[in-house]
PDB file of N, CA and C in Angstrom:
ATOM      1  N   UNK A   1      -6.795 -17.933   9.993  1.00  0.00           N
ATOM      2  CA  UNK A   1      -5.698 -17.715  10.119  1.00  0.00           C
ATOM      3  C   UNK A   1      -4.543 -17.247   9.016  1.00  0.00           C
ATOM      4  N   UNK A   2      -4.912 -18.253   7.590  1.00  0.00           N
ATOM      5  CA  UNK A   2      -4.431 -18.371   6.773  1.00  0.00           C
ATOM      6  C   UNK A   2      -4.933 -17.132   5.861  1.00  0.00           C
ATOM      7  N   UNK A   3      -6.188 -16.577   5.685  1.00  0.00           N
ATOM      8  CA  UNK A   3      -6.629 -15.852   5.516  1.00  0.00           C
ATOM      9  C   UNK A   3      -6.250 -14.543   6.006  1.00  0.00           C
ATOM     10  N   UNK A   4      -5.880 -14.228   7.015  1.00  0.00           N
ATOM     11  CA  UNK A   4      -4.981 -13.053   7.955  1.00  0.00           C
ATOM     12  C   UNK A   4      -3.993 -12.981   7.247  1.00  0.00           C
ATOM     13  N   UNK A   5      -3.106 -14.038   7.099  1.00  0.00           N
ATOM     14  CA  UNK A   5      -1.619 -14.092   6.773  1.00  0.00           C
ATOM     15  C   UNK A   5      -1.756 -13.540   5.372  1.00  0.00           C
ATOM     16  N   UNK A   6      -2.824 -14.287   4.350  1.00  0.00           N
ATOM     17  CA  UNK A   6      -2.439 -13.397   3.068  1.00  0.00           C
ATOM     18  C   UNK A   6      -2.995 -12.099   3.387  1.00  0.00           C
ATOM     19  N   UNK A   7      -3.859 -11.280   4.076  1.00  0.00           N
ATOM     20  CA  UNK A   7      -4.188 -10.368   3.908  1.00  0.00           C
ATOM     21  C   UNK A   7      -3.034  -9.249   4.175  1.00  0.00           C
ATOM     22  N   UNK A   8      -2.136  -9.717   5.405  1.00  0.00           N
ATOM     23  CA  UNK A   8      -0.789  -9.288   5.736  1.00  0.00           C
ATOM     24  C   UNK A   8       0.033  -9.167   4.831  1.00  0.00           C
ATOM     25  N   UNK A   9       0.043 -10.333   4.195  1.00  0.00           N
ATOM     26  CA  UNK A   9       1.189 -10.311   2.962  1.00  0.00           C
ATOM     27  C   UNK A   9       0.927  -9.127   1.875  1.00  0.00           C
ATOM     28  N   UNK A  10      -0.465  -9.150   1.303  1.00  0.00           N
ATOM     29  CA  UNK A  10      -0.685  -8.239   0.154  1.00  0.00           C
ATOM     30  C   UNK A  10      -0.788  -6.457   0.737  1.00  0.00           C
ATOM     31  N   UNK A  11      -1.172  -6.704   2.191  1.00  0.00           N
ATOM     32  CA  UNK A  11      -0.925  -5.153   2.786  1.00  0.00           C
ATOM     33  C   UNK A  11       0.570  -4.694   2.801  1.00  0.00           C
ATOM     34  N   UNK A  12       1.585  -5.626   3.373  1.00  0.00           N
ATOM     35  CA  UNK A  12       3.079  -5.273   2.802  1.00  0.00           C
ATOM     36  C   UNK A  12       4.057  -5.163   1.636  1.00  0.00           C
ATOM     37  N   UNK A  13       3.018  -5.672   0.785  1.00  0.00           N
ATOM     38  CA  UNK A  13       3.480  -5.605  -0.543  1.00  0.00           C
ATOM     39  C   UNK A  13       3.251  -4.488  -1.106  1.00  0.00           C
ATOM     40  N   UNK A  14       1.684  -3.965  -0.682  1.00  0.00           N
ATOM     41  CA  UNK A  14       1.584  -2.923  -0.711  1.00  0.00           C
ATOM     42  C   UNK A  14       2.565  -0.970  -0.530  1.00  0.00           C
ATOM     43  N   UNK A  15       2.492  -1.526   0.829  1.00  0.00           N
ATOM     44  CA  UNK A  15       3.776  -0.888   1.649  1.00  0.00           C
ATOM     45  C   UNK A  15       5.138  -0.985   0.854  1.00  0.00           C
ATOM     46  N   UNK A  16       5.663  -1.740   0.518  1.00  0.00           N
ATOM     47  CA  UNK A  16       7.213  -1.818  -0.127  1.00  0.00           C
ATOM     48  C   UNK A  16       6.847  -1.405  -1.204  1.00  0.00           C
ATOM     49  N   UNK A  17       6.134  -1.656  -2.475  1.00  0.00           N
ATOM     50  CA  UNK A  17       6.168  -0.546  -3.657  1.00  0.00           C
ATOM     51  C   UNK A  17       5.972   0.958  -3.267  1.00  0.00           C
ATOM     52  N   UNK A  18       5.528   0.766  -2.400  1.00  0.00           N
ATOM     53  CA  UNK A  18       4.773   2.644  -2.010  1.00  0.00           C
ATOM     54  C   UNK A  18       6.276   3.145  -1.392  1.00  0.00           C
ATOM     55  N   UNK A  19       7.046   2.485  -0.496  1.00  0.00           N
ATOM     56  CA  UNK A  19       8.672   2.767  -0.412  1.00  0.00           C
ATOM     57  C   UNK A  19       9.219   2.803  -1.361  1.00  0.00           C
ATOM     58  N   UNK A  20       9.339   1.789  -2.287  1.00  0.00           N
ATOM     59  CA  UNK A  20      10.173   1.733  -3.250  1.00  0.00           C
ATOM     60  C   UNK A  20      10.008   3.219  -4.875  1.00  0.00           C
ATOM     61  N   UNK A  21       8.739   3.435  -4.535  1.00  0.00           N
ATOM     62  CA  UNK A  21       8.570   4.432  -5.553  1.00  0.00           C
ATOM     63  C   UNK A  21       8.711   5.704  -5.026  1.00  0.00           C
ATOM     64  N   UNK A  22       8.464   6.136  -3.809  1.00  0.00           N
ATOM     65  CA  UNK A  22       9.105   7.329  -3.064  1.00  0.00           C
ATOM     66  C   UNK A  22      10.724   7.480  -2.990  1.00  0.00           C
ATOM     67  N   UNK A  23      11.412   5.860  -2.759  1.00  0.00           N
ATOM     68  CA  UNK A  23      12.534   5.906  -2.422  1.00  0.00           C
ATOM     69  C   UNK A  23      13.364   5.876  -4.014  1.00  0.00           C
ATOM     70  N   UNK A  24      12.953   6.111  -4.843  1.00  0.00           N
ATOM     71  CA  UNK A  24      13.336   6.132  -6.441  1.00  0.00           C
ATOM     72  C   UNK A  24      13.546   7.658  -6.749  1.00  0.00           C
ATOM     73  N   UNK A  25      11.957   8.421  -6.226  1.00  0.00           N
ATOM     74  CA  UNK A  25      12.092   9.731  -6.384  1.00  0.00           C
ATOM     75  C   UNK A  25      12.999  10.482  -5.919  1.00  0.00           C
ATOM     76  N   UNK A  26      13.367  10.228  -4.325  1.00  0.00           N
ATOM     77  CA  UNK A  26      14.624  10.961  -3.879  1.00  0.00           C
ATOM     78  C   UNK A  26      15.897  10.635  -4.627  1.00  0.00           C
ATOM     79  N   UNK A  27      16.228   9.699  -4.979  1.00  0.00           N
ATOM     80  CA  UNK A  27      17.451   9.103  -5.904  1.00  0.00           C
ATOM     81  C   UNK A  27      16.871  10.056  -6.977  1.00  0.00           C
ATOM     82  N   UNK A  28      16.144   9.952  -7.877  1.00  0.00           N
ATOM     83  CA  UNK A  28      16.627  10.665  -9.052  1.00  0.00           C
ATOM     84  C   UNK A  28      15.925  11.863  -9.073  1.00  0.00           C
ATOM     85  N   UNK A  29      16.202  12.761  -7.667  1.00  0.00           N
ATOM     86  CA  UNK A  29      15.308  13.928  -7.621  1.00  0.00           C
ATOM     87  C   UNK A  29      16.659  15.235  -8.420  1.00  0.00           C
ATOM     88  N   UNK A  30      17.744  14.495  -8.105  1.00  0.00           N
ATOM     89  CA  UNK A  30      18.736  15.271  -8.709  1.00  0.00           C
ATOM     90  C   UNK A  30      18.598  15.447 -10.332  1.00  0.00           C
ATOM     91  N   UNK A  31      18.106  14.476 -11.155  1.00  0.00           N
ATOM     92  CA  UNK A  31      18.516  14.619 -12.101  1.00  0.00           C
ATOM     93  C   UNK A  31      17.528  15.732 -13.084  1.00  0.00           C
ATOM     94  N   UNK A  32      15.948  15.782 -12.279  1.00  0.00           N
ATOM     95  CA  UNK A  32      15.016  16.449 -12.374  1.00  0.00           C
ATOM     96  C   UNK A  32      14.297  16.020 -13.913  1.00  0.00           C
ATOM     97  N   UNK A  33      13.097  16.787 -14.632  1.00  0.00           N
ATOM     98  CA  UNK A  33      12.632  16.052 -15.626  1.00  0.00           C
ATOM     99  C   UNK A  33      13.513  17.000 -16.699  1.00  0.00           C
ATOM    100  N   UNK A  34      14.515  17.621 -16.766  1.00  0.00           N
ATOM    101  CA  UNK A  34      14.809  18.088 -18.150  1.00  0.00           C
ATOM    102  C   UNK A  34      15.655  16.985 -18.688  1.00  0.00           C
ATOM    103  N   UNK A  35      16.079  16.175 -18.240  1.00  0.00           N
ATOM    104  CA  UNK A  35      17.008  15.119 -18.994  1.00  0.00           C
ATOM    105  C   UNK A  35      16.008  13.965 -19.817  1.00  0.00           C
ATOM    106  N   UNK A  36      15.160  14.353 -19.482  1.00  0.00           N
ATOM    107  CA  UNK A  36      14.279  13.206 -20.034  1.00  0.00           C
ATOM    108  C   UNK A  36      13.348  13.947 -21.491  1.00  0.00           C
ATOM    109  N   UNK A  37      13.050  13.493 -22.400  1.00  0.00           N
ATOM    110  CA  UNK A  37      12.664  13.587 -23.593  1.00  0.00           C
ATOM    111  C   UNK A  37      12.127  12.268 -24.427  1.00  0.00           C
ATOM    112  N   UNK A  38      10.503  12.617 -24.052  1.00  0.00           N
ATOM    113  CA  UNK A  38       9.952  10.996 -25.047  1.00  0.00           C
ATOM    114  C   UNK A  38       8.865  11.429 -26.136  1.00  0.00           C
ATOM    115  N   UNK A  39       9.150  11.008 -27.099  1.00  0.00           N
ATOM    116  CA  UNK A  39       8.365  11.083 -28.170  1.00  0.00           C
ATOM    117  C   UNK A  39       7.755  12.674 -28.475  1.00  0.00           C
ATOM    118  N   UNK A  40       8.518  13.696 -28.442  1.00  0.00           N
ATOM    119  CA  UNK A  40       8.685  15.096 -28.693  1.00  0.00           C
ATOM    120  C   UNK A  40       7.608  15.425 -27.512  1.00  0.00           C
ATOM    121  N   UNK A  41       6.933  15.076 -26.668  1.00  0.00           N
ATOM    122  CA  UNK A  41       6.264  15.471 -25.641  1.00  0.00           C
ATOM    123  C   UNK A  41       6.830  16.578 -25.171  1.00  0.00           C
ATOM    124  N   UNK A  42       6.187  17.833 -24.394  1.00  0.00           N
ATOM    125  CA  UNK A  42       7.066  19.274 -23.793  1.00  0.00           C
ATOM    126  C   UNK A  42       7.360  18.666 -22.443  1.00  0.00           C
ATOM    127  N   UNK A  43       8.302  19.087 -22.434  1.00  0.00           N
ATOM    128  CA  UNK A  43       9.026  19.167 -21.133  1.00  0.00           C
ATOM    129  C   UNK A  43       7.969  19.090 -19.831  1.00  0.00           C
ATOM    130  N   UNK A  44       7.539  20.198 -20.161  1.00  0.00           N
ATOM    131  CA  UNK A  44       6.441  20.567 -18.586  1.00  0.00           C
ATOM    132  C   UNK A  44       4.919  19.823 -18.375  1.00  0.00           C
ATOM    133  N   UNK A  45       4.596  19.189 -19.853  1.00  0.00           N
ATOM    134  CA  UNK A  45       3.541  18.025 -19.607  1.00  0.00           C
ATOM    135  C   UNK A  45       4.208  16.641 -19.383  1.00  0.00           C
ATOM    136  N   UNK A  46       5.652  16.336 -19.438  1.00  0.00           N
ATOM    137  CA  UNK A  46       6.286  14.808 -18.872  1.00  0.00           C
ATOM    138  C   UNK A  46       6.343  15.841 -17.246  1.00  0.00           C
ATOM    139  N   UNK A  47       6.829  16.395 -16.724  1.00  0.00           N
ATOM    140  CA  UNK A  47       6.920  16.918 -15.460  1.00  0.00           C
ATOM    141  C   UNK A  47       5.264  16.802 -14.937  1.00  0.00           C
ATOM    142  N   UNK A  48       4.243  17.396 -14.984  1.00  0.00           N
ATOM    143  CA  UNK A  48       3.439  17.243 -14.202  1.00  0.00           C
ATOM    144  C   UNK A  48       2.882  15.465 -14.877  1.00  0.00           C
ATOM    145  N   UNK A  49       2.995  14.991 -16.048  1.00  0.00           N
ATOM    146  CA  UNK A  49       2.339  13.624 -15.896  1.00  0.00           C
ATOM    147  C   UNK A  49       3.272  12.811 -15.123  1.00  0.00           C
ATOM    148  N   UNK A  50       4.422  12.932 -14.681  1.00  0.00           N
ATOM    149  CA  UNK A  50       5.257  12.085 -13.578  1.00  0.00           C
ATOM    150  C   UNK A  50       5.299  11.971 -12.559  1.00  0.00           C
ATOM    151  N   UNK A  51       4.571  13.589 -11.762  1.00  0.00           N
ATOM    152  CA  UNK A  51       3.924  13.720 -10.486  1.00  0.00           C
ATOM    153  C   UNK A  51       2.400  13.050 -10.357  1.00  0.00           C
ATOM    154  N   UNK A  52       1.636  13.397 -11.355  1.00  0.00           N
ATOM    155  CA  UNK A  52       0.639  12.409 -11.256  1.00  0.00           C
ATOM    156  C   UNK A  52       0.675  10.875 -11.291  1.00  0.00           C
ATOM    157  N   UNK A  53       1.464  10.277 -12.130  1.00  0.00           N
ATOM    158  CA  UNK A  53       1.115   8.762 -11.996  1.00  0.00           C
ATOM    159  C   UNK A  53       2.165   8.752 -10.378  1.00  0.00           C
ATOM    160  N   UNK A  54       3.019   9.143 -10.326  1.00  0.00           N
ATOM    161  CA  UNK A  54       4.063   8.515  -9.383  1.00  0.00           C
ATOM    162  C   UNK A  54       2.837   9.013  -7.658  1.00  0.00           C
ATOM    163  N   UNK A  55       2.023   9.861  -7.694  1.00  0.00           N
ATOM    164  CA  UNK A  55       1.653  10.091  -6.515  1.00  0.00           C
ATOM    165  C   UNK A  55       0.268   9.655  -6.603  1.00  0.00           C
ATOM    166  N   UNK A  56      -0.209   9.490  -7.468  1.00  0.00           N
ATOM    167  CA  UNK A  56      -1.441   8.816  -7.896  1.00  0.00           C
ATOM    168  C   UNK A  56      -1.342   6.927  -7.331  1.00  0.00           C
ATOM    169  N   UNK A  57      -0.564   6.627  -7.803  1.00  0.00           N
ATOM    170  CA  UNK A  57      -0.128   5.318  -7.580  1.00  0.00           C
ATOM    171  C   UNK A  57       0.439   5.374  -6.013  1.00  0.00           C
ATOM    172  N   UNK A  58       1.181   5.745  -5.143  1.00  0.00           N
ATOM    173  CA  UNK A  58       1.155   5.983  -4.166  1.00  0.00           C
ATOM    174  C   UNK A  58       0.346   6.064  -3.085  1.00  0.00           C
ATOM    175  N   UNK A  59      -0.505   6.995  -3.249  1.00  0.00           N
ATOM    176  CA  UNK A  59      -1.619   7.287  -2.559  1.00  0.00           C
ATOM    177  C   UNK A  59      -2.784   6.069  -2.627  1.00  0.00           C
ATOM    178  N   UNK A  60      -2.787   5.523  -3.783  1.00  0.00           N
ATOM    179  CA  UNK A  60      -3.798   4.005  -4.084  1.00  0.00           C
ATOM    180  C   UNK A  60      -2.792   2.828  -3.420  1.00  0.00           C
ATOM    181  N   UNK A  61      -1.503   2.961  -3.577  1.00  0.00           N
ATOM    182  CA  UNK A  61      -1.063   1.797  -2.915  1.00  0.00           C
ATOM    183  C   UNK A  61      -1.392   1.958  -1.265  1.00  0.00           C
ATOM    184  N   UNK A  62      -0.865   3.242  -0.816  1.00  0.00           N
ATOM    185  CA  UNK A  62      -1.158   3.051   0.650  1.00  0.00           C
ATOM    186  C   UNK A  62      -2.704   3.474   1.045  1.00  0.00           C
ATOM    187  N   UNK A  63      -3.341   3.725  -0.062  1.00  0.00           N
ATOM    188  CA  UNK A  63      -4.725   3.513   0.311  1.00  0.00           C
ATOM    189  C   UNK A  63      -5.175   2.124   1.017  1.00  0.00           C
ATOM    190  N   UNK A  64      -4.688   1.383  -0.307  1.00  0.00           N
ATOM    191  CA  UNK A  64      -5.009  -0.125   0.194  1.00  0.00           C
ATOM    192  C   UNK A  64      -4.344  -0.890   1.234  1.00  0.00           C
ATOM    193  N   UNK A  65      -3.307  -0.381   1.438  1.00  0.00           N
ATOM    194  CA  UNK A  65      -2.676  -0.688   2.361  1.00  0.00           C
ATOM    195  C   UNK A  65      -3.377  -0.505   4.145  1.00  0.00           C
ATOM    196  N   UNK A  66      -3.683   0.915   4.270  1.00  0.00           N
ATOM    197  CA  UNK A  66      -4.131   0.892   5.361  1.00  0.00           C
ATOM    198  C   UNK A  66      -6.060   0.818   4.973  1.00  0.00           C
ATOM    199  N   UNK A  67      -6.482  -0.079   4.757  1.00  0.00           N
ATOM    200  CA  UNK A  67      -7.950   0.012   4.627  1.00  0.00           C
ATOM    201  C   UNK A  67      -8.565   0.175   5.715  1.00  0.00           C
ATOM    202  N   UNK A  68      -9.592   1.194   5.435  1.00  0.00           N
ATOM    203  CA  UNK A  68     -10.300   2.119   6.548  1.00  0.00           C
ATOM    204  C   UNK A  68      -9.879   3.526   7.082  1.00  0.00           C
ATOM    205  N   UNK A  69      -8.616   3.170   7.067  1.00  0.00           N
ATOM    206  CA  UNK A  69      -7.814   4.596   7.363  1.00  0.00           C
ATOM    207  C   UNK A  69      -7.121   5.466   6.519  1.00  0.00           C
ATOM    208  N   UNK A  70      -8.171   5.880   5.832  1.00  0.00           N
ATOM    209  CA  UNK A  70      -7.901   6.652   4.273  1.00  0.00           C
ATOM    210  C   UNK A  70      -7.536   8.091   4.584  1.00  0.00           C
ATOM    211  N   UNK A  71      -8.307   8.412   5.619  1.00  0.00           N
ATOM    212  CA  UNK A  71      -7.610   9.618   5.538  1.00  0.00           C
ATOM    213  C   UNK A  71      -6.244   9.888   6.456  1.00  0.00           C
ATOM    214  N   UNK A  72      -5.549   9.095   7.170  1.00  0.00           N
ATOM    215  CA  UNK A  72      -4.247   8.295   7.311  1.00  0.00           C
ATOM    216  C   UNK A  72      -3.774   8.214   6.028  1.00  0.00           C
ATOM    217  N   UNK A  73      -3.793   7.511   5.522  1.00  0.00           N
ATOM    218  CA  UNK A  73      -3.198   7.197   4.033  1.00  0.00           C
ATOM    219  C   UNK A  73      -3.335   8.579   3.292  1.00  0.00           C
ATOM    220  N   UNK A  74      -3.808   9.813   3.369  1.00  0.00           N
ATOM    221  CA  UNK A  74      -3.876  10.779   2.763  1.00  0.00           C
ATOM    222  C   UNK A  74      -2.464  11.451   3.214  1.00  0.00           C
ATOM    223  N   UNK A  75      -3.121  11.797   4.530  1.00  0.00           N
ATOM    224  CA  UNK A  75      -2.130  12.121   5.511  1.00  0.00           C
ATOM    225  C   UNK A  75      -0.478  11.873   5.288  1.00  0.00           C
ATOM    226  N   UNK A  76      -0.149  10.471   5.063  1.00  0.00           N
ATOM    227  CA  UNK A  76       1.287  10.062   5.344  1.00  0.00           C
ATOM    228  C   UNK A  76       1.573  10.216   3.789  1.00  0.00           C
ATOM    229  N   UNK A  77       0.779  10.167   2.697  1.00  0.00           N
ATOM    230  CA  UNK A  77       1.274  10.535   1.372  1.00  0.00           C
ATOM    231  C   UNK A  77       1.618  12.056   0.737  1.00  0.00           C
ATOM    232  N   UNK A  78       0.533  13.030   1.821  1.00  0.00           N
ATOM    233  CA  UNK A  78       0.980  14.665   1.615  1.00  0.00           C
ATOM    234  C   UNK A  78       2.290  14.616   1.826  1.00  0.00           C
ATOM    235  N   UNK A  79       2.317  14.044   3.443  1.00  0.00           N
ATOM    236  CA  UNK A  79       3.743  14.379   3.883  1.00  0.00           C
ATOM    237  C   UNK A  79       4.908  14.207   3.814  1.00  0.00           C
ATOM    238  N   UNK A  80       5.019  12.907   3.021  1.00  0.00           N
ATOM    239  CA  UNK A  80       5.932  12.253   1.793  1.00  0.00           C
ATOM    240  C   UNK A  80       6.492  13.415   0.505  1.00  0.00           C
ATOM    241  N   UNK A  81       4.938  14.088   0.007  1.00  0.00           N
ATOM    242  CA  UNK A  81       5.299  14.948  -1.088  1.00  0.00           C
ATOM    243  C   UNK A  81       5.590  15.787  -0.084  1.00  0.00           C
ATOM    244  N   UNK A  82       5.444  16.666   0.524  1.00  0.00           N
ATOM    245  CA  UNK A  82       5.996  17.669   1.052  1.00  0.00           C
ATOM    246  C   UNK A  82       7.606  17.201   1.411  1.00  0.00           C
ATOM    247  N   UNK A  83       8.448  16.209   2.173  1.00  0.00           N
ATOM    248  CA  UNK A  83       9.011  15.503   2.457  1.00  0.00           C
ATOM    249  C   UNK A  83       9.678  16.238   0.796  1.00  0.00           C
ATOM    250  N   UNK A  84       9.600  15.182   0.270  1.00  0.00           N
ATOM    251  CA  UNK A  84      10.195  15.391  -1.258  1.00  0.00           C
ATOM    252  C   UNK A  84      10.223  17.282  -1.935  1.00  0.00           C
ATOM    253  N   UNK A  85       9.656  17.287  -1.962  1.00  0.00           N
ATOM    254  CA  UNK A  85       9.664  19.017  -2.208  1.00  0.00           C
ATOM    255  C   UNK A  85      10.882  19.605  -1.470  1.00  0.00           C
ATOM    256  N   UNK A  86      10.939  19.326   0.005  1.00  0.00           N
ATOM    257  CA  UNK A  86      11.641  20.206   0.681  1.00  0.00           C
ATOM    258  C   UNK A  86      13.081  19.605   0.697  1.00  0.00           C
ATOM    259  N   UNK A  87      13.281  18.324   0.243  1.00  0.00           N
ATOM    260  CA  UNK A  87      14.665  17.446  -0.172  1.00  0.00           C
ATOM    261  C   UNK A  87      15.287  18.404  -1.210  1.00  0.00           C
ATOM    262  N   UNK A  88      14.132  19.069  -2.474  1.00  0.00           N
ATOM    263  CA  UNK A  88      15.247  19.830  -3.305  1.00  0.00           C
ATOM    264  C   UNK A  88      15.473  20.493  -3.539  1.00  0.00           C
ATOM    265  N   UNK A  89      15.471  21.105  -1.772  1.00  0.00           N
ATOM    266  CA  UNK A  89      15.651  22.452  -1.873  1.00  0.00           C
ATOM    267  C   UNK A  89      17.659  22.301  -1.088  1.00  0.00           C
ATOM    268  N   UNK A  90      17.667  21.296  -1.191  1.00  0.00           N
ATOM    269  CA  UNK A  90      19.471  20.922  -0.676  1.00  0.00           C
ATOM    270  C   UNK A  90      19.444  20.189  -2.038  1.00  0.00           C
ATOM    271  N   UNK A  91      18.974  20.287  -2.986  1.00  0.00           N
ATOM    272  CA  UNK A  91      19.871  19.571  -4.042  1.00  0.00           C
ATOM    273  C   UNK A  91      20.065  20.525  -5.226  1.00  0.00           C
ATOM    274  N   UNK A  92      21.451  20.323  -5.783  1.00  0.00           N
ATOM    275  CA  UNK A  92      21.510  21.989  -6.574  1.00  0.00           C
ATOM    276  C   UNK A  92      21.077  21.780  -8.039  1.00  0.00           C
ATOM    277  N   UNK A  93      20.497  22.765  -8.434  1.00  0.00           N
ATOM    278  CA  UNK A  93      19.828  22.348  -9.222  1.00  0.00           C
ATOM    279  C   UNK A  93      18.268  22.848  -9.542  1.00  0.00           C
ATOM    280  N   UNK A  94      17.814  22.307  -8.032  1.00  0.00           N
ATOM    281  CA  UNK A  94      16.449  22.181  -7.972  1.00  0.00           C
ATOM    282  C   UNK A  94      15.945  23.323  -7.101  1.00  0.00           C
ATOM    283  N   UNK A  95      14.463  23.258  -6.744  1.00  0.00           N
ATOM    284  CA  UNK A  95      14.015  24.279  -5.648  1.00  0.00           C
ATOM    285  C   UNK A  95      12.626  23.561  -5.280  1.00  0.00           C
ATOM    286  N   UNK A  96      12.179  24.406  -4.423  1.00  0.00           N
ATOM    287  CA  UNK A  96      10.763  23.804  -3.916  1.00  0.00           C
ATOM    288  C   UNK A  96       9.499  24.515  -4.519  1.00  0.00           C
ATOM    289  N   UNK A  97       8.769  23.900  -5.243  1.00  0.00           N
ATOM    290  CA  UNK A  97       7.775  23.999  -6.198  1.00  0.00           C
ATOM    291  C   UNK A  97       6.572  24.064  -5.717  1.00  0.00           C
ATOM    292  N   UNK A  98       5.476  25.063  -5.275  1.00  0.00           N
ATOM    293  CA  UNK A  98       4.536  25.216  -5.007  1.00  0.00           C
ATOM    294  C   UNK A  98       3.884  24.689  -5.941  1.00  0.00           C
ATOM    295  N   UNK A  99       3.640  24.957  -6.931  1.00  0.00           N
ATOM    296  CA  UNK A  99       2.656  23.984  -8.263  1.00  0.00           C
ATOM    297  C   UNK A  99       2.946  22.309  -8.084  1.00  0.00           C
ATOM    298  N   UNK A 100       4.532  21.621  -7.998  1.00  0.00           N
ATOM    299  CA  UNK A 100       4.458  20.464  -7.952  1.00  0.00           C
ATOM    300  C   UNK A 100       3.522  20.259  -6.493  1.00  0.00           C
ATOM    301  N   UNK A 101       3.827  20.542  -5.469  1.00  0.00           N
ATOM    302  CA  UNK A 101       3.102  20.272  -4.281  1.00  0.00           C
ATOM    303  C   UNK A 101       1.780  20.246  -4.646  1.00  0.00           C
ATOM    304  N   UNK A 102       1.109  20.788  -5.421  1.00  0.00           N
ATOM    305  CA  UNK A 102      -0.411  21.034  -5.609  1.00  0.00           C
ATOM    306  C   UNK A 102      -0.509  19.640  -6.189  1.00  0.00           C
ATOM    307  N   UNK A 103       0.029  19.678  -7.612  1.00  0.00           N
ATOM    308  CA  UNK A 103      -0.142  18.691  -8.088  1.00  0.00           C
ATOM    309  C   UNK A 103      -0.187  17.496  -7.410  1.00  0.00           C
ATOM    310  N   UNK A 104       1.000  17.167  -6.759  1.00  0.00           N
ATOM    311  CA  UNK A 104       1.227  15.699  -5.789  1.00  0.00           C
ATOM    312  C   UNK A 104      -0.242  15.318  -5.009  1.00  0.00           C
ATOM    313  N   UNK A 105      -0.771  16.711  -4.718  1.00  0.00           N
ATOM    314  CA  UNK A 105      -1.730  16.492  -3.581  1.00  0.00           C
ATOM    315  C   UNK A 105      -3.347  16.100  -3.824  1.00  0.00           C
ATOM    316  N   UNK A 106      -3.146  16.700  -5.163  1.00  0.00           N
ATOM    317  CA  UNK A 106      -4.007  16.573  -6.041  1.00  0.00           C
ATOM    318  C   UNK A 106      -4.169  14.772  -6.796  1.00  0.00           C
ATOM    319  N   UNK A 107      -3.018  14.660  -7.181  1.00  0.00           N
ATOM    320  CA  UNK A 107      -2.501  13.410  -7.527  1.00  0.00           C
ATOM    321  C   UNK A 107      -2.977  12.044  -6.510  1.00  0.00           C
ATOM    322  N   UNK A 108      -2.602  12.449  -4.948  1.00  0.00           N
ATOM    323  CA  UNK A 108      -2.786  11.790  -3.661  1.00  0.00           C
ATOM    324  C   UNK A 108      -4.359  11.437  -3.827  1.00  0.00           C
ATOM    325  N   UNK A 109      -4.818  12.694  -3.340  1.00  0.00           N
ATOM    326  CA  UNK A 109      -6.282  12.805  -3.087  1.00  0.00           C
ATOM    327  C   UNK A 109      -6.714  11.549  -4.558  1.00  0.00           C
ATOM    328  N   UNK A 110      -6.594  11.758  -5.531  1.00  0.00           N
ATOM    329  CA  UNK A 110      -7.389  11.027  -6.753  1.00  0.00           C
ATOM    330  C   UNK A 110      -7.259   9.389  -6.215  1.00  0.00           C
ATOM    331  N   UNK A 111      -5.693   9.132  -5.805  1.00  0.00           N
ATOM    332  CA  UNK A 111      -4.977   7.893  -5.832  1.00  0.00           C
ATOM    333  C   UNK A 111      -6.145   6.889  -4.856  1.00  0.00           C
ATOM    334  N   UNK A 112      -5.695   8.127  -3.369  1.00  0.00           N
ATOM    335  CA  UNK A 112      -6.565   7.153  -1.952  1.00  0.00           C
ATOM    336  C   UNK A 112      -8.086   7.210  -2.284  1.00  0.00           C
ATOM    337  N   UNK A 113      -8.878   8.306  -2.760  1.00  0.00           N
ATOM    338  CA  UNK A 113      -9.878   7.934  -3.270  1.00  0.00           C
ATOM    339  C   UNK A 113     -10.383   7.113  -4.355  1.00  0.00           C
ATOM    340  N   UNK A 114      -9.207   6.584  -4.992  1.00  0.00           N
ATOM    341  CA  UNK A 114      -9.835   5.521  -5.729  1.00  0.00           C
ATOM    342  C   UNK A 114      -9.640   3.833  -5.164  1.00  0.00           C
ATOM    343  N   UNK A 115      -8.764   3.861  -3.855  1.00  0.00           N
ATOM    344  CA  UNK A 115      -8.224   2.869  -3.145  1.00  0.00           C
ATOM    345  C   UNK A 115      -9.588   2.911  -2.096  1.00  0.00           C
ATOM    346  N   UNK A 116     -10.569   3.744  -1.836  1.00  0.00           N
ATOM    347  CA  UNK A 116     -11.470   3.585  -1.117  1.00  0.00           C
ATOM    348  C   UNK A 116     -12.801   3.503  -1.930  1.00  0.00           C
ATOM    349  N   UNK A 117     -12.932   3.820  -3.105  1.00  0.00           N
ATOM    350  CA  UNK A 117     -13.996   3.221  -3.882  1.00  0.00           C
ATOM    351  C   UNK A 117     -14.090   2.024  -4.197  1.00  0.00           C
ATOM    352  N   UNK A 118     -12.778   1.724  -4.853  1.00  0.00           N
ATOM    353  CA  UNK A 118     -12.388   0.271  -5.238  1.00  0.00           C
ATOM    354  C   UNK A 118     -12.484  -0.920  -3.809  1.00  0.00           C
ATOM    355  N   UNK A 119     -11.876  -0.361  -2.860  1.00  0.00           N
ATOM    356  CA  UNK A 119     -11.975  -1.438  -1.308  1.00  0.00           C
ATOM    357  C   UNK A 119     -13.139  -1.879  -0.923  1.00  0.00           C
ATOM    358  N   UNK A 120     -14.130  -1.161  -1.371  1.00  0.00           N
ATOM    359  CA  UNK A 120     -15.803  -1.687  -0.863  1.00  0.00           C
ATOM    360  C   UNK A 120     -15.820  -2.350  -1.313  1.00  0.00           C
TER     361      UNK A 120
END
């Protein structure tokens, strides 16, 4: 009983962190990458790294939270990514970008795969 409660708490923690990350994305969408300059790294590189880090992390967290249901975890993450890209269509100065969506799907795939490999 205690092991089951601990496992549920860990799962809930993974879900909460994933939801927090995605929520931050929706709030920060109006800012875009143009306002972030870091150590002279080109804007496009920062943009791609941001997508990869966030979506790989979300994929890994949901993959861990949905142990054994990795396909569903991937599908949920891709759906969230699509929703985030479509959301940008309604944000002034932003647009839907197919390249961002492909980067997000690749990052989600890597994150969920990592959760599957490490979860065994």
